[in-house]
């Protein structure tokens, strides 16, 4: 199975933030409110620390024998680290620094679809696909467009086809710490279409980019992104602070790249909005879980899947300065109701039992069944 980048001459149409269309009234954002009240919940485990790795993003995959792998990107060591999701035990490392197939340069965002792992590489300016469980390289895409990619999210838009969204947080200045002018922020998210042919070949093509360019709604510093096709919603974490001319929060777009004008109240985030995941419940309800990258303890904020109204916040006893999170709703031996996995201080992974989260925050019954 191979993956290749096709010419974009026949790219799918994409409405971008600067596209011409009649202005639509923006929905009212949730009202501003005081900082969240936190409850403290125990971590089920904290893995052994490995400071040299600088862990960032997480993904899970279930092996043929029913075990669950927790895969982490390691930015500083330029590899992937695999943990046993039930115990936090380190299982193996994959890759090394380089630009050849199977090598990585500053790996960041991760996503799994079926038996394929997608890895965003910031300094190789690409997304690499690898087959699981052997991590065999399948190919790359994005080299022609991506400048400083970080996060990604994908969903199956049609049978055999994936829409892939990649955040591109390119910066200016000698130290790459200057946010570009507003007019250049219309390419903060790039979109690709991945098609799976009958021959098993994966084909990728770039279908456009988007991002608002107004002072009020621009995406200044981006990394994490997640979506909810049932509500035509993308949430993009804008990590910008007052220094960058913004306030860190989650910003809402439609799946075709149109800004809705809605964002979560910045007062919910005392540090930077980082990882974001959707917890879907069997009845169609659910919760967004968003990371507030605080130290000494990370805050995890929950919002209603439909209304985006706050539904509670918690912290652990140990987990701090979190970048990536992943929610694994399927039952495992250690987590019959599923688990939320988080990066702790760039050096370890931690786990929270979703049954404990649901009970402690008085969430809707049935989400952990």
Protein backbone atom coordinates (compact mmCIF):
# COMPACT_ATOMS: atom_id res chain seq x y z
CA UNK A 1 0.00 0.00 0.00
CA UNK A 2 1.44 3.35 -1.03
CA UNK A 3 0.54 6.97 -0.54
CA UNK A 4 1.32 9.71 -3.00
CA UNK A 5 0.53 13.34 -3.55
CA UNK A 6 -1.57 14.01 -6.62
CA UNK A 7 -1.64 17.24 -8.59
CA UNK A 8 -4.02 19.77 -7.10
CA UNK A 9 -5.30 21.11 -10.40
CA UNK A 10 -8.56 19.29 -9.89
CA UNK A 11 -8.67 19.91 -6.17
CA UNK A 12 -11.97 19.85 -4.39
CA UNK A 13 -13.57 23.25 -3.89
CA UNK A 14 -13.06 24.66 -0.41
CA UNK A 15 -14.62 27.79 1.05
CA UNK A 16 -11.85 29.65 2.86
CA UNK A 17 -11.88 32.40 5.42
CA UNK A 18 -11.29 34.98 2.68
CA UNK A 19 -13.78 33.58 0.20
CA UNK A 20 -16.42 35.90 -1.20
CA UNK A 21 -19.90 35.23 0.11
CA UNK A 22 -22.74 37.13 1.68
CA UNK A 23 -21.96 37.89 5.33
CA UNK A 24 -23.76 35.68 7.80
CA UNK A 25 -24.75 36.81 11.28
CA UNK A 26 -22.46 35.23 13.84
CA UNK A 27 -24.08 33.17 16.58
CA UNK A 28 -23.78 34.47 20.09
CA UNK A 29 -20.72 33.05 21.89
CA UNK A 30 -21.15 31.59 25.35
CA UNK A 31 -21.28 34.35 27.93
CA UNK A 32 -18.10 35.30 29.73
CA UNK A 33 -17.76 33.79 33.16
CA UNK A 34 -15.27 33.49 35.99
CA UNK A 35 -12.48 30.95 35.95
CA UNK A 36 -13.57 27.34 36.35
CA UNK A 37 -13.81 25.65 39.72
CA UNK A 38 -11.62 22.54 39.71
CA UNK A 39 -12.12 19.20 41.38
CA UNK A 40 -9.13 16.91 41.88
CA UNK A 41 -9.24 13.34 40.56
CA UNK A 42 -6.60 10.63 40.90
CA UNK A 43 -4.58 9.41 37.94
CA UNK A 44 -4.82 5.65 37.44
CA UNK A 45 -1.12 5.67 36.63
CA UNK A 46 1.80 7.92 35.78
CA UNK A 47 4.39 6.31 33.52
CA UNK A 48 8.11 6.36 34.20
CA UNK A 49 9.61 9.70 33.21
CA UNK A 50 11.80 10.17 30.14
CA UNK A 51 12.76 13.87 29.97
CA UNK A 52 14.93 13.43 26.88
CA UNK A 53 11.94 12.55 24.70
CA UNK A 54 9.85 15.73 25.09
CA UNK A 55 6.54 13.94 24.51
CA UNK A 56 3.79 15.88 22.78
CA UNK A 57 0.79 14.19 21.12
CA UNK A 58 -1.01 10.89 21.69
CA UNK A 59 -3.02 8.30 19.76
CA UNK A 60 -4.34 4.82 20.57
CA UNK A 61 -4.57 1.62 18.54
CA UNK A 62 -5.94 -1.82 19.43
CA UNK A 63 -3.71 -4.75 18.48
CA UNK A 64 -4.93 -8.00 16.96
CA UNK A 65 -4.69 -9.73 20.35
CA UNK A 66 -6.84 -7.06 22.03
CA UNK A 67 -4.17 -4.98 23.73
CA UNK A 68 -4.29 -1.20 23.44
CA UNK A 69 -1.22 0.75 22.46
CA UNK A 70 -0.78 4.34 23.53
CA UNK A 71 1.48 5.98 20.94
CA UNK A 72 3.27 9.24 21.74
CA UNK A 73 5.28 11.59 19.55
CA UNK A 74 8.68 12.47 21.00
CA UNK A 75 9.81 15.82 19.61
CA UNK A 76 13.32 16.03 21.04
CA UNK A 77 14.35 12.43 20.34
CA UNK A 78 12.64 12.48 16.91
CA UNK A 79 10.81 9.19 17.35
CA UNK A 80 7.58 7.57 18.46
CA UNK A 81 7.20 5.93 21.86
CA UNK A 82 4.71 3.11 22.39
CA UNK A 83 3.18 2.45 25.82
CA UNK A 84 0.83 -0.23 27.07
CA UNK A 85 -2.33 1.84 27.58
CA UNK A 86 -3.54 -0.30 30.48
CA UNK A 87 -0.38 -0.06 32.58
CA UNK A 88 1.68 2.83 31.21
CA UNK A 89 4.59 0.45 30.66
CA UNK A 90 6.94 1.51 27.86
CA UNK A 91 6.78 -1.10 25.09
CA UNK A 92 9.05 0.14 22.30
CA UNK A 93 10.47 3.10 20.39
CA UNK A 94 10.15 3.65 16.64
CA UNK A 95 12.22 5.78 14.28
CA UNK A 96 15.10 8.22 14.44
CA UNK A 97 15.97 11.67 13.19
CA UNK A 98 16.01 12.09 9.42
CA UNK A 99 13.85 12.66 6.35
CA UNK A 100 13.87 9.16 4.90
CA UNK A 101 10.75 6.96 5.09
CA UNK A 102 10.24 5.83 8.67
CA UNK A 103 12.39 8.64 10.04
CA UNK A 104 11.11 11.79 11.72
CA UNK A 105 12.10 15.39 12.30
CA UNK A 106 10.27 16.97 15.22
CA UNK A 107 7.18 14.70 15.11
CA UNK A 108 4.10 16.30 16.59
CA UNK A 109 0.42 15.60 15.89
CA UNK A 110 -0.80 11.99 15.65
CA UNK A 111 -3.97 10.35 14.39
CA UNK A 112 -4.99 6.75 13.72
CA UNK A 113 -7.54 5.60 11.15
CA UNK A 114 -7.98 1.85 10.90
CA UNK A 115 -4.51 0.36 10.79
CA UNK A 116 -2.77 3.51 9.55
CA UNK A 117 -0.94 5.98 11.80
CA UNK A 118 -0.54 9.56 10.55
CA UNK A 119 2.36 11.60 11.97
CA UNK A 120 2.81 15.35 11.48
CA UNK A 121 6.48 16.33 11.26
CA UNK A 122 7.07 20.01 11.89
CA UNK A 123 10.63 20.24 10.61
CA UNK A 124 10.16 17.86 7.67
CA UNK A 125 7.05 19.88 6.77
CA UNK A 126 5.00 16.82 5.97
CA UNK A 127 2.53 14.23 7.19
CA UNK A 128 3.83 10.67 7.14
CA UNK A 129 1.63 7.57 7.05
CA UNK A 130 2.72 4.26 8.55
CA UNK A 131 0.98 0.90 8.74
CA UNK A 132 0.31 -0.72 12.09
CA UNK A 133 1.50 -2.78 13.90
CA UNK A 134 4.85 -2.84 12.07
CA UNK A 135 5.17 0.95 11.50
CA UNK A 136 6.00 0.28 7.85
CA UNK A 137 6.20 3.61 5.95
CA UNK A 138 3.42 4.07 3.40
CA UNK A 139 4.38 7.52 2.17
CA UNK A 140 4.02 11.23 2.86
CA UNK A 141 2.03 14.26 1.78
CA UNK A 142 1.96 18.00 2.35
CA UNK A 143 5.56 18.84 1.44
CA UNK A 144 4.44 21.29 -1.22
CA UNK A 145 2.26 23.40 1.06
CA UNK A 146 3.05 22.93 4.75
CA UNK A 147 5.45 25.39 6.37
CA UNK A 148 5.32 24.59 10.10
CA UNK A 149 2.66 21.92 10.69
CA UNK A 150 1.63 20.82 14.17
CA UNK A 151 -1.72 19.11 14.71
CA UNK A 152 -4.21 17.13 12.65
CA UNK A 153 -7.68 15.69 12.76
CA UNK A 154 -9.46 13.49 10.24
CA UNK A 155 -12.79 11.87 9.56
CA UNK A 156 -14.24 9.55 6.94
CA UNK A 157 -16.34 11.87 4.78
CA UNK A 158 -17.32 9.11 2.34
CA UNK A 159 -16.67 5.37 2.28
CA UNK A 160 -12.97 4.96 1.63
CA UNK A 161 -12.22 8.70 1.75
CA UNK A 162 -10.81 10.83 4.56
CA UNK A 163 -10.85 14.57 5.06
CA UNK A 164 -7.63 15.53 6.85
CA UNK A 165 -7.14 18.92 8.52
CA UNK A 166 -3.58 20.03 9.41
CA UNK A 167 -2.77 23.16 11.42
CA UNK A 168 0.11 25.20 10.02
CA UNK A 169 1.52 27.64 12.58
CA UNK A 170 4.28 29.23 10.51
CA UNK A 171 5.84 32.30 12.13
CA UNK A 172 8.14 35.13 11.10
CA UNK A 173 11.32 36.64 12.55
CA UNK A 174 14.79 35.26 13.19
CA UNK A 175 13.49 33.19 16.10
CA UNK A 176 10.22 32.27 14.38
CA UNK A 177 8.22 33.90 17.16
CA UNK A 178 6.47 36.71 15.30
CA UNK A 179 2.86 36.17 14.23
CA UNK A 180 2.43 36.99 10.51
CA UNK A 181 0.26 39.95 9.45
CA UNK A 182 -3.49 39.30 9.53
CA UNK A 183 -3.64 39.05 5.75
CA UNK A 184 -1.36 36.00 5.82
CA UNK A 185 -3.40 34.06 8.39
CA UNK A 186 -5.85 32.64 5.85
CA UNK A 187 -3.73 29.46 5.60
CA UNK A 188 -3.65 28.45 9.27
CA UNK A 189 -5.46 25.17 8.53
CA UNK A 190 -4.80 23.08 5.44
CA UNK A 191 -7.14 20.43 4.18
CA UNK A 192 -6.34 17.22 2.30
CA UNK A 193 -8.49 14.50 0.78
CA UNK A 194 -7.21 10.96 1.24
CA UNK A 195 -8.77 8.33 -1.03
CA UNK A 196 -8.35 4.60 -0.60
CA UNK A 197 -8.50 2.79 -3.94
CA UNK A 198 -9.64 -0.75 -4.58
CA UNK A 199 -5.99 -1.63 -5.12
CA UNK A 200 -5.19 -0.58 -1.56
CA UNK A 201 -3.30 2.50 -2.73
CA UNK A 202 -3.70 5.71 -0.72
CA UNK A 203 -3.86 8.93 -2.69
CA UNK A 204 -3.67 12.38 -1.11
CA UNK A 205 -4.40 15.78 -2.57
CA UNK A 206 -4.43 19.27 -1.17
CA UNK A 207 -7.87 20.85 -1.41
CA UNK A 208 -7.30 24.26 0.13
CA UNK A 209 -6.60 26.25 3.26
CA UNK A 210 -8.57 28.52 5.57
CA UNK A 211 -8.31 30.91 8.47
CA UNK A 212 -10.03 34.15 9.45
CA UNK A 213 -8.06 37.34 8.82
CA UNK A 214 -10.00 39.76 11.02
CA UNK A 215 -8.55 41.29 14.17
CA UNK A 216 -11.25 39.69 16.34
CA UNK A 217 -11.26 36.16 14.95
CA UNK A 218 -7.83 35.44 13.43
CA UNK A 219 -6.05 32.19 14.30
CA UNK A 220 -2.67 33.44 15.48
CA UNK A 221 -0.87 30.49 17.10
CA UNK A 222 -2.39 27.10 16.29
CA UNK A 223 -1.66 23.49 17.12
CA UNK A 224 -4.50 21.22 18.27
CA UNK A 225 -7.63 20.68 16.20
CA UNK A 226 -10.60 18.33 16.49
CA UNK A 227 -13.98 17.99 14.83
CA UNK A 228 -17.54 16.75 15.16
CA UNK A 229 -19.20 15.92 11.81
CA UNK A 230 -22.57 15.43 13.52
CA UNK A 231 -22.62 19.15 14.33
CA UNK A 232 -20.55 20.41 11.36
CA UNK A 233 -17.99 21.69 13.84
CA UNK A 234 -14.23 22.11 14.04
CA UNK A 235 -12.61 23.42 17.20
CA UNK A 236 -9.15 24.93 16.74
CA UNK A 237 -7.01 25.73 19.76
CA UNK A 238 -5.55 29.22 19.42
CA UNK A 239 -2.63 29.40 21.84
CA UNK A 240 -2.00 33.10 21.35
CA UNK A 241 -1.73 35.40 24.34
CA UNK A 242 -1.82 39.17 24.70
CA UNK A 243 1.79 39.22 23.47
CA UNK A 244 0.56 37.85 20.13
CA UNK A 245 -2.45 40.14 20.00
CA UNK A 246 -5.00 37.52 21.05
CA UNK A 247 -6.37 35.47 23.95
CA UNK A 248 -5.99 31.70 24.09
CA UNK A 249 -9.21 29.74 23.61
CA UNK A 250 -10.99 27.33 21.24
CA UNK A 251 -12.33 28.82 18.01
CA UNK A 252 -15.20 27.28 16.04
CA UNK A 253 -15.22 26.66 12.28
CA UNK A 254 -17.46 24.58 10.05
CA UNK A 255 -16.04 21.51 8.35
CA UNK A 256 -15.76 23.41 5.07
CA UNK A 257 -13.59 26.05 6.70
CA UNK A 258 -16.02 28.87 7.46
CA UNK A 259 -15.55 30.74 10.74
CA UNK A 260 -18.77 30.85 12.72
CA UNK A 261 -17.72 33.80 14.85
CA UNK A 262 -18.02 31.65 17.95
CA UNK A 263 -15.27 30.93 20.46
CA UNK A 264 -15.22 29.62 23.99
CA UNK A 265 -14.86 32.30 26.66
CA UNK A 266 -11.13 33.05 27.07
CA UNK A 267 -11.75 33.38 30.81
CA UNK A 268 -12.04 29.59 30.94
CA UNK A 269 -8.35 29.25 30.08
CA UNK A 270 -5.83 30.62 32.57
CA UNK A 271 -2.85 29.46 30.49
CA UNK A 272 -2.93 28.13 26.90
CA UNK A 273 -5.69 26.13 25.26
CA UNK A 274 -3.90 22.99 24.08
CA UNK A 275 -5.20 19.49 23.35
CA UNK A 276 -8.89 19.02 22.58
CA UNK A 277 -10.88 15.78 22.14
CA UNK A 278 -14.53 14.81 21.72
CA UNK A 279 -16.13 12.33 24.11
CA UNK A 280 -19.12 10.91 22.22
CA UNK A 281 -21.89 9.16 24.16
CA UNK A 282 -24.03 6.33 22.75
CA UNK A 283 -27.19 8.47 22.71
CA UNK A 284 -25.58 11.18 20.55
CA UNK A 285 -24.76 13.53 23.39
CA UNK A 286 -21.24 14.06 24.62
CA UNK A 287 -18.56 16.40 25.86
CA UNK A 288 -15.58 18.26 24.55
CA UNK A 289 -12.51 17.96 26.81
CA UNK A 290 -10.02 20.80 26.45
CA UNK A 291 -6.59 21.15 28.04
CA UNK A 292 -5.61 24.29 29.93
CA UNK A 293 -1.80 24.01 29.98
CA UNK A 294 -1.22 25.03 33.56
CA UNK A 295 1.62 24.27 35.94
CA UNK A 296 1.87 22.89 38.56
CA UNK A 297 -1.36 21.10 37.55
CA UNK A 298 -3.11 20.93 34.17
CA UNK A 299 -6.81 21.79 34.12
CA UNK A 300 -9.18 19.74 31.97
CA UNK A 301 -12.35 21.65 31.01
CA UNK A 302 -15.50 19.90 29.78
CA UNK A 303 -18.06 21.53 27.46
CA UNK A 304 -21.39 20.27 26.20
CA UNK A 305 -21.05 18.64 22.78
CA UNK A 306 -24.00 20.54 21.32
CA UNK A 307 -24.18 23.89 23.11
CA UNK A 308 -20.52 24.28 24.17
CA UNK A 309 -21.73 25.29 27.62
CA UNK A 310 -19.31 24.44 30.48
CA UNK A 311 -19.94 21.11 32.19
CA UNK A 312 -17.18 21.05 34.79
CA UNK A 313 -13.41 20.97 35.17
CA UNK A 314 -10.90 18.72 36.90
CA UNK A 315 -7.21 18.31 37.56
CA UNK A 316 -5.08 15.37 38.62
CA UNK A 317 -2.73 14.93 41.54
CA UNK A 318 0.34 14.99 39.28
CA UNK A 319 -0.44 15.79 35.63
CA UNK A 320 1.08 19.13 34.62
CA UNK A 321 1.89 21.28 31.62
CA UNK A 322 -0.01 19.01 29.24
CA UNK A 323 0.23 19.22 25.46
CA UNK A 324 -1.56 16.28 23.91
CA UNK A 325 -4.49 14.17 25.06
CA UNK A 326 -6.41 11.30 23.54
CA UNK A 327 -9.73 9.79 24.61
CA UNK A 328 -10.15 6.04 24.27
CA UNK A 329 -13.83 5.29 24.84
CA UNK A 330 -13.61 1.54 24.19
CA UNK A 331 -13.37 -0.81 27.15
CA UNK A 332 -9.97 -2.16 28.19
CA UNK A 333 -9.04 -4.46 31.11
CA UNK A 334 -7.94 -1.53 33.27
CA UNK A 335 -10.56 0.92 32.00
CA UNK A 336 -13.94 -0.79 31.44
CA UNK A 337 -15.57 2.61 30.78
CA UNK A 338 -12.72 4.05 28.73
CA UNK A 339 -9.90 6.42 29.59
CA UNK A 340 -8.48 9.86 28.99
CA UNK A 341 -4.72 9.76 28.41
CA UNK A 342 -2.57 12.88 28.80
CA UNK A 343 1.04 13.95 28.47
CA UNK A 344 2.61 14.98 31.78
CA UNK A 345 5.26 17.71 31.71
CA UNK A 346 6.71 16.53 28.36
CA UNK A 347 8.22 13.47 30.05
CA UNK A 348 5.52 10.91 30.90
CA UNK A 349 1.96 9.82 30.16
CA UNK A 350 -0.91 9.64 32.63
CA UNK A 351 -4.36 8.07 32.57
CA UNK A 352 -7.76 9.03 34.01
CA UNK A 353 -10.65 6.56 34.31
CA UNK A 354 -13.67 7.99 32.45
CA UNK A 355 -16.03 6.37 34.96
CA UNK A 356 -14.43 8.44 37.71
CA UNK A 357 -14.64 11.59 35.59
CA UNK A 358 -18.31 11.01 34.76
CA UNK A 359 -19.32 10.27 38.35
CA UNK A 360 -17.32 13.11 39.88
CA UNK A 361 -18.68 15.74 37.47
CA UNK A 362 -22.25 14.34 37.55
CA UNK A 363 -22.26 13.84 33.79
CA UNK A 364 -25.07 12.18 31.87
CA UNK A 365 -25.43 8.49 32.68
CA UNK A 366 -24.59 6.06 29.90
CA UNK A 367 -21.46 7.71 28.51
CA UNK A 368 -19.22 5.01 29.98
CA UNK A 369 -21.43 2.02 29.13
